Amino acid sequence: MANEEHVRILKQGVTVWNQWRVDNSNIILPDLDLSNADLSETNLSRVNLKQALLISANLKGANLIWANLNRAYLSGANLGGANLGGANLSGAYLSPADFSRANLNGADLNRANLSGTNLSGADLRRADLKLADLSGADLIQANLSQATVGLTAFADVDLSSVIGLETIKHLGPSSIGIDTIYRSQGNIPEIFLRRAGVPDNFIEYMHSLTGKGFDYYSCFISHSSKDQVFAERLYADLQARGVRCWYFPEDAKWGEPAWGEIDRSITVYDKLVVICSENSLQSGPVNREIERALQREDRENQNVLFPIRLDEYIFEKWEHPRKADVVSKVVGDFSQWTTPDTYKKTLERLVKNLQGDKIRKAATP
């Protein structure tokens, strides 16, 4: 329980409290509700604030050296420029709080929830960050030199300007989100990633993956398994040219739940490339994918469906309620795909079409 005399003095204001603190230590204020309190510039060094409620409290510039804030609740609190050197913040809930330019040198943040917290410019040297959640935290120019991590979550954070990552002590693997890799544009010391458990093969290609944005639309290739040889060749050649694509044959041996997941995932891709042959256009799943792509076009007012043909079936024999909408498109002619020069020219035309709008929009002033 909090010492009632200490609480009474604190309520008299910062000036009275700080004068009293000159000659008094061993302050006990655990479990106290100090939500919304103005404690800026207050001397709370070595004070026991274990499990205290400090929601939206103003602790800007406060002296909290060696304070005990174990499992304290500081959501929304302002600790900008505060001095928390050596403080015990283990298990504390700090999401989100403002610790910008705060001194957390040697602080215990084991199991602390720092998700979304502003730690820009904070001094976290030698801090204990094991099992801490730093998801979405602002770590711009934060100093983590010789901090300790292990099972620490670094999701959706920009680590590109963090100081001292190469000196961090890893007591176990940590979670480095793919969103963190991209937000940091790959500018993360390899030794930090390796010690955090990121595989070497990913680190090797990280810079090429993050060096620039995607140049092409992603696409799903719809086809019949009877056209598998062509589909595999097209898939490999598109991937080699930087086009992100996926495919499943329409009659693959998948259960209905799996097909439901595939159906839903197709709608996530930018474009649907349909291999139009007699085999595929007699397939119920392929026709369903065509219909869904056309519905997306109606709804989004943009090209989604990219038909490419292997024979004349689409023009001569295919019957579909929206056939006119499909054949009115520029249907890529891969009917001579076994002829290398012809195939290459048609492939390059398809790649250019998958590049089209995205590049032109980026180039528009």
Protein backbone atom coordinates (compact mmCIF):
# COMPACT_ATOMS: atom_id res chain seq x y z
CA MET A 1 0.00 0.00 0.00
CA ALA A 2 1.11 3.56 -0.70
CA ASN A 3 2.34 5.58 2.28
CA GLU A 4 -0.47 8.09 2.98
CA GLU A 5 1.99 10.77 4.14
CA HIS A 6 3.94 10.47 0.90
CA VAL A 7 0.74 10.74 -1.13
CA ARG A 8 -0.33 13.84 0.84
CA ILE A 9 2.96 15.59 0.10
CA LEU A 10 2.88 14.66 -3.58
CA LYS A 11 -0.58 16.18 -3.91
CA GLN A 12 0.78 19.52 -2.70
CA GLY A 13 2.57 19.96 -6.00
CA VAL A 14 5.93 19.48 -7.68
CA THR A 15 7.74 22.29 -5.84
CA VAL A 16 6.78 21.08 -2.35
CA TRP A 17 7.48 17.48 -3.27
CA ASN A 18 10.90 18.17 -4.76
CA GLN A 19 11.96 20.24 -1.73
CA TRP A 20 10.81 17.46 0.61
CA ARG A 21 12.68 14.85 -1.48
CA VAL A 22 16.02 16.52 -0.72
CA ASP A 23 16.07 14.91 2.71
CA ASN A 24 13.81 11.90 2.13
CA SER A 25 14.19 8.60 0.33
CA ASN A 26 12.46 5.21 0.41
CA ILE A 27 9.30 6.63 -1.10
CA ILE A 28 6.48 4.10 -1.38
CA LEU A 29 3.68 4.81 -3.87
CA PRO A 30 2.74 1.39 -5.35
CA ASP A 31 -0.72 0.68 -6.79
CA LEU A 32 -1.44 4.40 -6.78
CA ASP A 33 -3.74 5.93 -9.39
CA LEU A 34 -1.91 8.93 -10.82
CA SER A 35 -3.71 8.97 -14.14
CA ASN A 36 -3.66 12.39 -15.84
CA ALA A 37 -1.47 13.81 -13.05
CA ASP A 38 0.97 16.59 -13.90
CA LEU A 39 4.29 15.29 -12.62
CA SER A 40 6.57 17.05 -15.08
CA GLU A 41 10.06 17.74 -13.71
CA THR A 42 9.15 15.82 -10.54
CA ASN A 43 11.92 14.05 -8.63
CA LEU A 44 10.72 10.46 -8.45
CA SER A 45 14.15 8.85 -8.34
CA ARG A 46 14.13 5.46 -6.58
CA VAL A 47 10.39 5.82 -5.86
CA ASN A 48 8.41 2.59 -5.66
CA LEU A 49 5.63 2.99 -8.25
CA LYS A 50 5.05 -0.71 -8.75
CA GLN A 51 1.75 -1.38 -10.57
CA ALA A 52 0.86 2.31 -10.39
CA LEU A 53 -1.67 3.71 -12.84
CA LEU A 54 -0.02 6.55 -14.76
CA ILE A 55 -2.40 6.65 -17.72
CA SER A 56 -1.90 9.88 -19.69
CA ALA A 57 0.22 11.29 -16.87
CA ASN A 58 2.61 14.14 -17.68
CA LEU A 59 6.07 12.98 -16.63
CA LYS A 60 7.97 15.10 -19.10
CA GLY A 61 11.48 15.73 -17.85
CA ALA A 62 10.82 13.81 -14.63
CA ASN A 63 13.64 12.21 -12.67
CA LEU A 64 12.85 8.49 -12.45
CA ILE A 65 16.38 7.15 -11.99
CA TRP A 66 16.23 3.66 -10.45
CA ALA A 67 12.47 4.03 -9.95
CA ASN A 68 10.44 0.86 -9.61
CA LEU A 69 7.75 0.89 -12.32
CA ASN A 70 7.34 -2.86 -12.46
CA ARG A 71 4.03 -3.65 -14.21
CA ALA A 72 3.03 0.03 -14.10
CA TYR A 73 0.46 1.17 -16.64
CA LEU A 74 1.73 4.19 -18.60
CA SER A 75 -0.47 4.13 -21.67
CA GLY A 76 -0.64 7.62 -23.17
CA ALA A 77 1.86 9.04 -20.68
CA ASN A 78 4.33 11.75 -21.69
CA LEU A 79 7.87 10.90 -20.60
CA GLY A 80 9.63 12.98 -23.21
CA GLY A 81 13.14 13.80 -21.98
CA ALA A 82 12.55 11.95 -18.70
CA ASN A 83 15.48 10.31 -16.93
CA LEU A 84 14.75 6.61 -16.35
CA GLY A 85 18.32 5.40 -16.06
CA GLY A 86 18.35 1.98 -14.39
CA ALA A 87 14.59 2.09 -13.83
CA ASN A 88 12.62 -1.14 -13.46
CA LEU A 89 9.95 -1.16 -16.18
CA SER A 90 9.69 -4.93 -16.45
CA GLY A 91 6.24 -6.01 -17.51
CA ALA A 92 5.12 -2.39 -17.79
CA TYR A 93 2.43 -1.41 -20.27
CA LEU A 94 3.82 1.49 -22.29
CA SER A 95 1.61 1.29 -25.38
CA PRO A 96 1.53 3.92 -26.62
CA ALA A 97 3.57 6.39 -24.59
CA ASP A 98 6.02 9.15 -25.45
CA PHE A 99 9.60 8.34 -24.47
CA SER A 100 11.18 10.58 -27.08
CA ARG A 101 14.71 11.63 -26.04
CA ALA A 102 14.23 9.84 -22.72
CA ASN A 103 17.16 8.30 -20.89
CA LEU A 104 16.53 4.56 -20.51
CA ASN A 105 20.19 3.65 -20.14
CA GLY A 106 20.35 0.34 -18.28
CA ALA A 107 16.59 0.22 -17.77
CA ASP A 108 14.86 -3.12 -17.29
CA LEU A 109 12.21 -3.43 -20.03
CA ASN A 110 11.92 -7.20 -19.86
CA ARG A 111 8.44 -8.22 -21.11
CA ALA A 112 7.42 -4.58 -21.46
CA ASN A 113 4.75 -3.70 -24.02
CA LEU A 114 6.28 -0.92 -26.13
CA SER A 115 4.10 -1.39 -29.20
CA GLY A 116 3.44 1.93 -30.89
CA THR A 117 5.60 3.76 -28.35
CA ASN A 118 7.59 6.84 -29.38
CA LEU A 119 11.22 6.03 -28.61
CA SER A 120 12.72 8.42 -31.13
CA GLY A 121 16.08 9.68 -29.92
CA ALA A 122 15.79 7.62 -26.73
CA ASP A 123 18.92 6.31 -25.00
CA LEU A 124 18.40 2.57 -24.61
CA ARG A 125 22.02 1.63 -24.13
CA ARG A 126 22.44 -1.54 -22.07
CA ALA A 127 18.66 -1.76 -21.64
CA ASP A 128 17.11 -5.20 -21.08
CA LEU A 129 14.62 -5.74 -23.92
CA LYS A 130 14.16 -9.49 -23.62
CA LEU A 131 10.61 -10.57 -24.52
CA ALA A 132 9.68 -6.91 -25.10
CA ASP A 133 7.17 -6.01 -27.81
CA LEU A 134 8.46 -3.16 -30.00
CA SER A 135 5.90 -3.64 -32.77
CA GLY A 136 5.17 -0.36 -34.51
CA ALA A 137 7.45 1.62 -32.18
CA ASP A 138 9.19 4.77 -33.40
CA LEU A 139 12.90 4.00 -33.09
CA ILE A 140 14.26 6.80 -35.26
CA GLN A 141 17.74 7.69 -33.96
CA ALA A 142 17.25 5.57 -30.84
CA ASN A 143 20.48 4.23 -29.32
CA LEU A 144 20.37 0.49 -28.57
CA SER A 145 24.10 0.00 -28.09
CA GLN A 146 24.82 -3.12 -26.01
CA ALA A 147 21.12 -3.60 -25.23
CA THR A 148 20.02 -7.16 -24.56
CA VAL A 149 17.33 -8.85 -26.66
CA GLY A 150 15.85 -12.31 -26.97
CA LEU A 151 12.38 -13.30 -28.21
CA THR A 152 11.94 -9.57 -28.80
CA ALA A 153 9.37 -8.45 -31.38
CA PHE A 154 10.61 -5.98 -34.01
CA ALA A 155 7.52 -5.88 -36.24
CA ASP A 156 6.66 -2.94 -38.51
CA VAL A 157 9.52 -0.73 -37.30
CA ASP A 158 12.12 1.31 -39.16
CA LEU A 159 15.55 0.20 -37.95
CA SER A 160 17.55 2.07 -40.59
CA SER A 161 18.65 4.89 -38.28
CA VAL A 162 18.89 2.98 -35.01
CA ILE A 163 22.30 3.35 -33.37
CA GLY A 164 24.28 0.36 -32.12
CA LEU A 165 22.33 -2.55 -33.64
CA GLU A 166 25.58 -4.36 -34.40
CA THR A 167 26.52 -4.31 -30.68
CA ILE A 168 23.25 -5.74 -29.34
CA LYS A 169 23.53 -8.86 -27.18
CA HIS A 170 21.25 -11.68 -28.38
CA LEU A 171 20.27 -14.23 -25.75
CA GLY A 172 17.98 -15.97 -28.23
CA PRO A 173 16.25 -15.40 -31.56
CA SER A 174 13.99 -12.40 -32.06
CA SER A 175 11.15 -11.76 -34.49
CA ILE A 176 12.09 -9.40 -37.34
CA GLY A 177 8.98 -8.68 -39.41
CA ILE A 178 9.14 -8.58 -43.21
CA ASP A 179 7.44 -5.19 -42.88
CA THR A 180 10.45 -4.09 -40.80
CA ILE A 181 12.82 -5.18 -43.57
CA TYR A 182 10.91 -3.10 -46.11
CA ARG A 183 10.36 -0.08 -43.86
CA SER A 184 14.10 -0.08 -43.20
CA GLN A 185 14.77 -0.47 -46.96
CA GLY A 186 17.16 -3.27 -46.07
CA ASN A 187 19.44 -0.88 -44.16
CA ILE A 188 19.93 -3.15 -41.15
CA PRO A 189 23.33 -4.52 -40.08
CA GLU A 190 23.65 -8.11 -41.26
CA ILE A 191 25.25 -9.16 -37.99
CA PHE A 192 22.14 -8.01 -36.11
CA LEU A 193 19.84 -9.94 -38.43
CA ARG A 194 21.98 -13.06 -38.33
CA ARG A 195 22.19 -13.08 -34.54
CA ALA A 196 18.44 -12.48 -34.35
CA GLY A 197 17.93 -15.70 -36.32
CA VAL A 198 17.20 -14.39 -39.83
CA PRO A 199 18.34 -17.06 -42.37
CA ASP A 200 21.51 -16.32 -44.33
CA ASN A 201 19.82 -16.95 -47.70
CA PHE A 202 17.27 -14.24 -46.94
CA ILE A 203 19.95 -11.80 -45.81
CA GLU A 204 21.86 -12.48 -49.03
CA TYR A 205 18.96 -11.35 -51.21
CA MET A 206 17.50 -8.75 -48.84
CA HIS A 207 19.07 -5.72 -50.50
CA SER A 208 17.96 -6.71 -53.99
CA LEU A 209 14.45 -7.33 -52.68
CA THR A 210 14.19 -3.95 -50.98
CA GLY A 211 16.26 -1.81 -53.32
CA LYS A 212 13.22 -0.66 -55.30
CA GLY A 213 9.48 -1.13 -55.46
CA PHE A 214 7.83 -3.74 -57.61
CA ASP A 215 7.78 -2.80 -61.28
CA TYR A 216 4.98 -5.15 -62.26
CA TYR A 217 1.50 -6.13 -61.26
CA SER A 218 1.20 -9.45 -59.46
CA CYS A 219 -0.86 -12.04 -61.28
CA PHE A 220 -2.52 -15.40 -60.90
CA ILE A 221 -2.25 -17.81 -63.82
CA SER A 222 -5.42 -19.82 -64.42
CA HIS A 223 -5.16 -22.92 -66.62
CA SER A 224 -6.03 -26.55 -67.17
CA SER A 225 -3.56 -29.19 -66.04
CA LYS A 226 -3.55 -30.39 -69.67
CA ASP A 227 -1.67 -27.16 -70.45
CA GLN A 228 0.74 -27.67 -67.55
CA VAL A 229 3.91 -27.66 -69.64
CA PHE A 230 3.12 -24.26 -71.12
CA ALA A 231 1.92 -22.91 -67.77
CA GLU A 232 5.16 -23.90 -66.03
CA ARG A 233 7.23 -22.29 -68.77
CA LEU A 234 5.19 -19.08 -68.64
CA TYR A 235 5.38 -19.01 -64.86
CA ALA A 236 9.18 -19.43 -64.85
CA ASP A 237 9.70 -16.78 -67.53
CA LEU A 238 7.46 -14.23 -65.82
CA GLN A 239 9.21 -14.80 -62.50
CA ALA A 240 12.60 -14.39 -64.20
CA ARG A 241 11.47 -10.98 -65.46
CA GLY A 242 10.40 -9.80 -62.00
CA VAL A 243 6.67 -10.49 -62.30
CA ARG A 244 5.22 -11.93 -59.11
CA CYS A 245 2.87 -14.74 -60.07
CA TRP A 246 1.23 -17.90 -58.74
CA TYR A 247 -0.71 -20.72 -60.33
CA PHE A 248 -2.70 -23.86 -59.65
CA PRO A 249 -4.15 -26.17 -62.32
CA GLU A 250 -7.95 -26.15 -62.37
CA ASP A 251 -8.21 -29.88 -61.68
CA ALA A 252 -5.54 -30.18 -59.00
CA LYS A 253 -6.40 -32.72 -56.29
CA TRP A 254 -7.51 -30.26 -53.65
CA GLY A 255 -10.44 -30.50 -51.31
CA GLU A 256 -13.24 -27.98 -51.34
CA PRO A 257 -11.90 -25.99 -48.34
CA ALA A 258 -8.54 -25.58 -50.05
CA TRP A 259 -10.20 -24.45 -53.26
CA GLY A 260 -12.16 -21.91 -51.26
CA GLU A 261 -8.89 -20.45 -50.00
CA ILE A 262 -7.51 -20.35 -53.56
CA ASP A 263 -10.67 -18.64 -54.79
CA ARG A 264 -10.34 -15.98 -52.11
CA SER A 265 -6.62 -15.49 -52.69
CA ILE A 266 -7.08 -14.92 -56.42
CA THR A 267 -8.99 -11.74 -55.66
CA VAL A 268 -5.93 -10.37 -53.87
CA TYR A 269 -3.71 -10.46 -56.96
CA ASP A 270 -3.69 -7.49 -59.31
CA LYS A 271 -4.32 -9.41 -62.53
CA LEU A 272 -5.68 -12.74 -63.69
CA VAL A 273 -3.86 -14.29 -66.65
CA VAL A 274 -6.05 -16.98 -68.18
CA ILE A 275 -4.52 -19.52 -70.53
CA CYS A 276 -7.37 -19.77 -73.01
CA SER A 277 -7.38 -23.14 -74.71
CA GLU A 278 -10.05 -25.69 -75.50
CA ASN A 279 -8.97 -27.52 -72.35
CA SER A 280 -9.23 -24.60 -69.97
CA LEU A 281 -12.33 -22.93 -71.43
CA GLN A 282 -14.32 -26.12 -70.86
CA SER A 283 -13.39 -26.00 -67.18
CA GLY A 284 -15.93 -24.78 -64.65
CA PRO A 285 -13.30 -23.35 -62.24
CA VAL A 286 -11.53 -21.44 -65.02
CA ASN A 287 -14.80 -19.96 -66.27
CA ARG A 288 -15.67 -19.00 -62.72
CA GLU A 289 -12.33 -17.18 -62.38
CA ILE A 290 -12.97 -15.34 -65.64
CA GLU A 291 -16.38 -14.23 -64.41
CA ARG A 292 -14.97 -13.03 -61.11
CA ALA A 293 -12.23 -11.06 -62.91
CA LEU A 294 -14.84 -9.36 -65.09
CA GLN A 295 -16.87 -8.49 -62.02
CA ARG A 296 -13.79 -6.90 -60.49
CA GLU A 297 -13.31 -4.88 -63.67
CA ASP A 298 -16.88 -3.62 -63.45
CA ARG A 299 -16.43 -2.75 -59.80
CA GLU A 300 -12.91 -1.27 -59.92
CA ASN A 301 -13.02 0.22 -63.41
CA GLN A 302 -9.63 -1.18 -64.40
CA ASN A 303 -8.21 -4.08 -66.41
CA VAL A 304 -7.96 -7.26 -64.37
CA LEU A 305 -8.35 -10.04 -66.94
CA PHE A 306 -5.48 -10.84 -69.32
CA PRO A 307 -6.52 -13.66 -71.69
CA ILE A 308 -3.81 -15.45 -73.66
CA ARG A 309 -4.72 -18.15 -76.18
CA LEU A 310 -3.13 -21.38 -77.32
CA ASP A 311 -5.66 -22.12 -80.05
CA GLU A 312 -8.72 -20.62 -81.79
CA TYR A 313 -11.30 -22.16 -79.46
CA ILE A 314 -12.04 -18.87 -77.69
CA PHE A 315 -13.14 -17.30 -80.98
CA GLU A 316 -14.74 -20.24 -82.76
CA LYS A 317 -16.45 -22.48 -80.21
CA TRP A 318 -16.40 -20.99 -76.73
CA GLU A 319 -19.83 -20.08 -75.37
CA HIS A 320 -20.04 -17.74 -72.41
CA PRO A 321 -22.50 -14.96 -71.44
CA ARG A 322 -19.67 -12.43 -71.42
CA LYS A 323 -17.65 -13.77 -74.33
CA ALA A 324 -17.86 -10.40 -76.08
CA ASP A 325 -16.19 -8.69 -73.09
CA VAL A 326 -13.33 -11.19 -73.18
CA VAL A 327 -12.61 -11.31 -76.92
CA SER A 328 -12.82 -7.51 -77.12
CA LYS A 329 -9.57 -7.45 -75.17
CA VAL A 330 -6.21 -7.80 -76.86
CA VAL A 331 -5.86 -11.56 -76.52
CA GLY A 332 -2.19 -12.57 -76.41
CA ASP A 333 -1.45 -15.12 -79.11
CA PHE A 334 0.77 -17.91 -77.76
CA SER A 335 -0.49 -20.46 -80.27
CA GLN A 336 3.06 -20.80 -81.60
CA TRP A 337 4.68 -20.97 -78.19
CA THR A 338 6.93 -23.83 -79.24
CA THR A 339 8.65 -21.51 -81.74
CA PRO A 340 11.31 -19.70 -79.66
CA ASP A 341 11.39 -16.34 -81.46
CA THR A 342 7.61 -16.04 -81.69
CA TYR A 343 7.18 -17.06 -78.04
CA LYS A 344 9.77 -14.52 -76.88
CA LYS A 345 8.12 -11.63 -78.71
CA THR A 346 4.68 -12.50 -77.35
CA LEU A 347 6.06 -12.96 -73.86
CA GLU A 348 7.72 -9.54 -73.90
CA ARG A 349 4.42 -7.99 -75.00
CA LEU A 350 2.63 -9.63 -72.06
CA VAL A 351 5.32 -8.49 -69.61
CA LYS A 352 5.00 -4.93 -70.92
CA ASN A 353 1.23 -5.03 -70.46
CA LEU A 354 1.66 -6.26 -66.88
CA GLN A 355 3.99 -3.33 -66.31
CA GLY A 356 1.92 -0.66 -68.04
CA ASP A 357 -0.35 1.35 -65.75
CA LYS A 358 1.79 1.12 -62.64
CA ILE A 359 4.88 2.56 -64.33
CA ARG A 360 3.00 5.20 -66.27
CA LYS A 361 1.25 6.40 -63.13
CA ALA A 362 4.57 6.59 -61.28
CA ALA A 363 6.04 8.66 -64.10
CA THR A 364 3.11 11.08 -64.26
CA PRO A 365 4.04 14.42 -62.64
